[in-house]
Amino acid sequence: MIDYHIHSKFSADSSEDLDAIFTRACDLGLSSIAITDHLDPFPDPDRNLFTFDKDAYFASLPPYREKYPQLDIQIGAELGMIPQMVDKNRKDLAQYPFDFIIGSVHSVDLQDIGSGEFFPGRTLEEAYRLYYEAMLDCVKVYDFFHVLGHIDYIDRYVSYVPGQTQPLDDRAFAPVIEEVLKEVIRSGRGIELNTGGFRKGLGYGHPKPWILERYHALGGRIITIGSDAHRAQDLASYSRQAFQQLRDAGFKEVFAFKDGDFKKEFSLD
């Protein structure tokens, strides 16, 4: 078992101690994990709440590899992709030995999705269209992430639209989503199955079944599993449901990322 999407005290929205995370991972018998704290830099430095001190990060994390030799620990980040920041992000991240980068879309037109500021003045259909178009723009110019994070992340926040309680049927945006998936496949990267969707009560991991099935049908095979845990107790949560969602979509293996490349970690058979 692996968990390739974990947040610690270095993320602005987590206070979890690193020892608690690694102890929990060992207790669960995990073989490979990635700490992927939030890096969401904005052009306006006053908005850089979801960033961390990279020097402190790399001073803190490597010693845990000796302390927990039974764990394959990847030192990563979840990068909030903004087109205006691509050159600066490429330069900044290249200065540090990150093992694994998740590329995620948390904002559109410099408006944060999770806080709700993206939604006012837009219909839900407009919000979804802009979100997936922004994702396509990002995967075309960001060439330094390894997996695309929680593709249908916007589903978590539809309640910011008055009267809306259920995610939109995003198959209406299938052509754009397919272009996203094709670009990921073409570039030799992968996607994640993020089990946070189950924890948020959506009934599926991100991405939802039809997107997973389409990724597989287009030839996509590289996929990791991540809990998006912000607390140690949520590590590897809903893994059984995630495995079944992958099997139903046609996947046979789950991948880890080691020594700069994807490797099959275990079979779903």
Protein backbone atom coordinates (compact mmCIF):
# COMPACT_ATOMS: atom_id res chain seq x y z
CA MET A 1 0.00 0.00 0.00
CA ILE A 2 1.11 3.52 -0.73
CA ASP A 3 -0.08 7.01 0.06
CA TYR A 4 1.24 9.67 -2.29
CA HIS A 5 -0.69 12.72 -1.11
CA ILE A 6 -0.05 13.67 2.53
CA HIS A 7 0.07 17.06 4.24
CA SER A 8 1.97 17.91 7.40
CA LYS A 9 2.57 20.93 9.62
CA PHE A 10 4.34 22.61 6.70
CA SER A 11 1.00 23.05 4.96
CA ALA A 12 -1.01 26.08 6.03
CA ASP A 13 -4.10 23.92 6.53
CA SER A 14 -2.45 21.20 8.63
CA SER A 15 -0.80 21.05 12.02
CA GLU A 16 0.13 17.37 11.89
CA ASP A 17 3.46 16.32 13.35
CA LEU A 18 5.79 14.42 11.04
CA ASP A 19 6.51 11.69 13.60
CA ALA A 20 2.77 11.09 13.93
CA ILE A 21 2.51 10.65 10.15
CA PHE A 22 5.40 8.23 9.85
CA THR A 23 4.36 6.23 12.91
CA ARG A 24 0.85 5.91 11.51
CA ALA A 25 2.23 4.84 8.12
CA CYS A 26 4.30 2.11 9.78
CA ASP A 27 1.34 0.94 11.85
CA LEU A 28 -0.70 0.60 8.65
CA GLY A 29 2.08 -1.32 6.93
CA LEU A 30 2.52 1.19 4.15
CA SER A 31 5.54 0.63 1.93
CA SER A 32 5.91 3.98 0.16
CA ILE A 33 4.61 7.43 1.03
CA ALA A 34 5.06 10.98 -0.19
CA ILE A 35 4.84 14.11 1.94
CA THR A 36 3.31 16.67 -0.42
CA ASP A 37 2.80 19.93 1.42
CA HIS A 38 1.11 22.87 -0.25
CA LEU A 39 3.00 25.28 -2.49
CA ASP A 40 0.47 27.70 -3.98
CA PRO A 41 2.43 30.86 -4.76
CA PHE A 42 0.53 33.83 -6.16
CA PRO A 43 1.96 36.82 -8.04
CA ASP A 44 0.84 38.97 -5.10
CA PRO A 45 3.11 37.93 -2.19
CA ASP A 46 0.45 39.02 0.30
CA ARG A 47 -1.62 36.04 -0.87
CA ASN A 48 1.11 33.45 -0.37
CA LEU A 49 -0.49 31.76 2.59
CA PHE A 50 -0.18 28.25 1.15
CA THR A 51 3.60 28.15 0.85
CA PHE A 52 6.35 26.99 3.18
CA ASP A 53 10.00 27.56 3.96
CA LYS A 54 11.69 25.13 1.58
CA ASP A 55 15.03 25.32 3.40
CA ALA A 56 13.34 24.29 6.65
CA TYR A 57 11.42 21.57 4.81
CA PHE A 58 14.57 19.95 3.49
CA ALA A 59 16.32 20.32 6.81
CA SER A 60 13.44 18.55 8.58
CA LEU A 61 12.40 15.69 6.29
CA PRO A 62 15.53 13.74 5.19
CA PRO A 63 16.47 12.54 8.73
CA TYR A 64 13.19 10.64 8.91
CA ARG A 65 14.46 8.28 6.22
CA GLU A 66 17.00 6.96 8.71
CA LYS A 67 14.53 6.98 11.58
CA TYR A 68 11.94 4.98 9.59
CA PRO A 69 14.00 2.74 7.24
CA GLN A 70 11.01 0.47 6.61
CA LEU A 71 9.32 3.33 4.74
CA ASP A 72 10.22 4.56 1.29
CA ILE A 73 9.77 8.28 1.97
CA GLN A 74 9.38 10.61 -0.99
CA ILE A 75 9.87 14.30 -0.27
CA GLY A 76 7.36 16.10 -2.44
CA ALA A 77 5.00 19.02 -2.80
CA GLU A 78 1.53 19.74 -4.08
CA LEU A 79 2.00 22.64 -6.46
CA GLY A 80 -0.98 24.87 -7.10
CA MET A 81 -0.58 25.60 -10.80
CA ILE A 82 -1.17 29.16 -12.01
CA PRO A 83 -0.18 29.98 -15.61
CA GLN A 84 1.27 33.37 -14.62
CA MET A 85 3.67 31.65 -12.21
CA VAL A 86 5.04 28.84 -14.37
CA ASP A 87 8.51 30.29 -14.99
CA LYS A 88 9.04 31.34 -11.40
CA ASN A 89 7.76 28.02 -10.08
CA ARG A 90 10.04 26.08 -12.43
CA LYS A 91 13.05 28.08 -11.27
CA ASP A 92 12.18 27.91 -7.56
CA LEU A 93 11.50 24.18 -7.48
CA ALA A 94 14.62 23.35 -9.48
CA GLN A 95 16.73 24.67 -6.61
CA TYR A 96 15.54 21.91 -4.27
CA PRO A 97 15.73 18.11 -4.53
CA PHE A 98 12.01 17.37 -4.63
CA ASP A 99 11.32 13.71 -5.37
CA PHE A 100 7.70 14.02 -6.41
CA ILE A 101 5.43 16.87 -7.48
CA ILE A 102 1.63 16.80 -7.68
CA GLY A 103 0.29 19.44 -10.04
CA SER A 104 -3.12 20.69 -8.93
CA VAL A 105 -5.51 23.45 -9.91
CA HIS A 106 -6.74 25.22 -6.77
CA SER A 107 -7.52 28.59 -8.33
CA VAL A 108 -8.70 30.05 -11.62
CA ASP A 109 -8.00 33.62 -12.74
CA LEU A 110 -6.20 34.09 -9.41
CA GLN A 111 -9.42 33.31 -7.55
CA ASP A 112 -9.28 30.52 -4.99
CA ILE A 113 -11.77 27.68 -5.41
CA GLY A 114 -11.65 26.22 -1.91
CA SER A 115 -12.46 29.52 -0.19
CA GLY A 116 -15.41 30.16 -2.51
CA GLU A 117 -14.12 33.40 -4.01
CA PHE A 118 -14.14 31.86 -7.50
CA PHE A 119 -17.88 31.23 -7.63
CA PRO A 120 -19.76 34.54 -7.15
CA GLY A 121 -21.17 36.00 -10.36
CA ARG A 122 -20.85 32.70 -12.23
CA THR A 123 -23.27 29.91 -12.94
CA LEU A 124 -22.06 26.48 -11.97
CA GLU A 125 -21.72 25.62 -15.65
CA GLU A 126 -19.47 28.65 -16.21
CA ALA A 127 -17.39 27.76 -13.17
CA TYR A 128 -16.83 24.18 -14.35
CA ARG A 129 -15.99 25.26 -17.90
CA LEU A 130 -13.44 27.81 -16.70
CA TYR A 131 -11.96 25.32 -14.25
CA TYR A 132 -11.32 22.63 -16.84
CA GLU A 133 -10.08 25.12 -19.41
CA ALA A 134 -7.62 26.45 -16.83
CA MET A 135 -6.48 22.89 -16.12
CA LEU A 136 -5.80 22.33 -19.81
CA ASP A 137 -3.80 25.54 -20.00
CA CYS A 138 -1.74 24.45 -17.01
CA VAL A 139 -0.89 20.91 -18.13
CA LYS A 140 0.36 22.35 -21.41
CA VAL A 141 2.87 24.73 -19.82
CA TYR A 142 3.80 23.01 -16.55
CA ASP A 143 6.28 20.33 -17.54
CA PHE A 144 7.73 19.65 -14.10
CA PHE A 145 4.98 17.85 -12.20
CA HIS A 146 4.62 14.07 -12.06
CA VAL A 147 0.92 13.42 -11.50
CA LEU A 148 -2.13 15.60 -11.99
CA GLY A 149 -3.93 16.01 -8.67
CA HIS A 150 -7.63 15.49 -7.86
CA ILE A 151 -8.88 16.30 -11.37
CA ASP A 152 -12.48 17.05 -10.39
CA TYR A 153 -11.53 18.94 -7.21
CA ILE A 154 -14.20 21.55 -8.00
CA ASP A 155 -16.86 18.97 -7.05
CA ARG A 156 -16.02 19.54 -3.38
CA TYR A 157 -17.11 23.18 -3.41
CA VAL A 158 -20.31 23.46 -5.43
CA SER A 159 -22.25 24.43 -2.31
CA TYR A 160 -20.75 27.91 -2.68
CA VAL A 161 -23.26 28.39 -5.50
CA PRO A 162 -26.65 29.24 -3.94
CA GLY A 163 -29.09 26.36 -4.08
CA GLN A 164 -26.48 23.91 -5.35
CA THR A 165 -25.93 20.76 -3.31
CA GLN A 166 -24.71 18.24 -5.90
CA PRO A 167 -21.71 18.35 -8.26
CA LEU A 168 -22.46 19.14 -11.88
CA ASP A 169 -22.46 16.34 -14.43
CA ASP A 170 -19.13 17.32 -15.95
CA ARG A 171 -19.46 15.01 -18.94
CA ALA A 172 -20.66 18.15 -20.69
CA PHE A 173 -16.99 19.18 -20.61
CA ALA A 174 -15.68 15.82 -21.79
CA PRO A 175 -13.84 17.25 -24.84
CA VAL A 176 -11.73 19.55 -22.65
CA ILE A 177 -11.18 16.89 -19.99
CA GLU A 178 -10.06 14.43 -22.67
CA GLU A 179 -7.53 16.96 -23.95
CA VAL A 180 -6.20 17.25 -20.40
CA LEU A 181 -5.86 13.48 -20.15
CA LYS A 182 -4.23 13.19 -23.59
CA GLU A 183 -1.64 15.81 -22.68
CA VAL A 184 -0.81 13.99 -19.44
CA ILE A 185 -0.42 10.70 -21.31
CA ARG A 186 1.57 12.26 -24.15
CA SER A 187 4.05 13.77 -21.72
CA GLY A 188 4.65 10.49 -19.88
CA ARG A 189 3.11 11.66 -16.65
CA GLY A 190 0.23 10.24 -14.61
CA ILE A 191 -2.78 11.12 -12.53
CA GLU A 192 -3.70 10.36 -8.96
CA LEU A 193 -6.76 8.71 -7.50
CA ASN A 194 -7.38 10.99 -4.53
CA THR A 195 -9.45 9.28 -1.87
CA GLY A 196 -10.38 12.61 -0.30
CA GLY A 197 -13.54 12.53 -2.39
CA PHE A 198 -14.79 9.62 -0.31
CA ARG A 199 -13.90 11.43 2.89
CA LYS A 200 -15.77 14.53 1.68
CA GLY A 201 -18.91 12.45 1.21
CA LEU A 202 -18.92 12.46 -2.61
CA GLY A 203 -19.02 8.68 -2.87
CA TYR A 204 -16.00 8.45 -5.20
CA GLY A 205 -12.33 9.28 -5.31
CA HIS A 206 -11.06 12.05 -7.54
CA PRO A 207 -11.40 11.66 -10.44
CA LYS A 208 -14.85 10.15 -10.62
CA PRO A 209 -15.40 6.84 -12.43
CA TRP A 210 -16.14 8.12 -15.93
CA ILE A 211 -12.96 10.21 -16.02
CA LEU A 212 -10.90 7.28 -14.75
CA GLU A 213 -12.45 5.03 -17.38
CA ARG A 214 -11.71 7.56 -20.11
CA TYR A 215 -8.11 7.96 -18.98
CA HIS A 216 -7.68 4.19 -19.18
CA ALA A 217 -9.41 3.99 -22.58
CA LEU A 218 -7.07 6.68 -23.95
CA GLY A 219 -4.08 4.59 -22.89
CA GLY A 220 -3.35 6.09 -19.50
CA ARG A 221 -1.84 3.57 -17.12
CA ILE A 222 0.24 5.58 -14.66
CA ILE A 223 -1.78 6.20 -11.53
CA THR A 224 -0.91 6.75 -7.90
CA ILE A 225 -3.16 6.70 -4.84
CA GLY A 226 -3.23 9.50 -2.29
CA SER A 227 -5.41 10.17 0.73
CA ASP A 228 -4.98 13.97 0.75
CA ALA A 229 -4.68 13.48 4.52
CA HIS A 230 -4.14 16.53 6.69
CA ARG A 231 -4.22 14.37 9.83
CA ALA A 232 -2.26 11.20 10.52
CA GLN A 233 -5.47 9.31 11.25
CA ASP A 234 -6.60 9.81 7.64
CA LEU A 235 -3.57 8.18 6.01
CA ALA A 236 -4.54 5.55 3.44
CA SER A 237 -8.22 6.15 4.20
CA TYR A 238 -10.76 4.57 1.83
CA SER A 239 -8.05 2.56 0.10
CA ARG A 240 -10.29 -0.46 -0.42
CA GLN A 241 -12.91 1.69 -2.13
CA ALA A 242 -10.19 3.27 -4.26
CA PHE A 243 -8.84 -0.12 -5.33
CA GLN A 244 -12.31 -1.18 -6.40
CA GLN A 245 -12.84 2.06 -8.32
CA LEU A 246 -9.57 1.40 -10.15
CA ARG A 247 -10.46 -2.20 -10.92
CA ASP A 248 -13.85 -1.15 -12.24
CA ALA A 249 -12.13 1.31 -14.59
CA GLY A 250 -9.83 -1.40 -15.94
CA PHE A 251 -6.61 -0.72 -14.07
CA LYS A 252 -4.33 -3.61 -13.14
CA GLU A 253 -1.54 -1.86 -11.21
CA VAL A 254 -0.84 1.07 -8.94
CA PHE A 255 2.40 3.00 -9.32
CA ALA A 256 4.94 4.51 -6.97
CA PHE A 257 7.62 7.03 -7.90
CA LYS A 258 11.22 6.11 -7.14
CA ASP A 259 14.56 7.40 -8.33
CA GLY A 260 12.95 9.83 -10.74
CA ASP A 261 10.63 7.39 -12.49
CA PHE A 262 7.34 5.56 -12.09
CA LYS A 263 7.48 1.93 -11.02
CA LYS A 264 4.69 -0.58 -10.60
CA GLU A 265 4.18 -0.88 -6.87
CA PHE A 266 1.54 -3.57 -6.60
CA SER A 267 -1.06 -5.43 -8.62
CA LEU A 268 -4.79 -4.93 -8.20
CA ASP A 269 -5.52 -8.54 -9.21
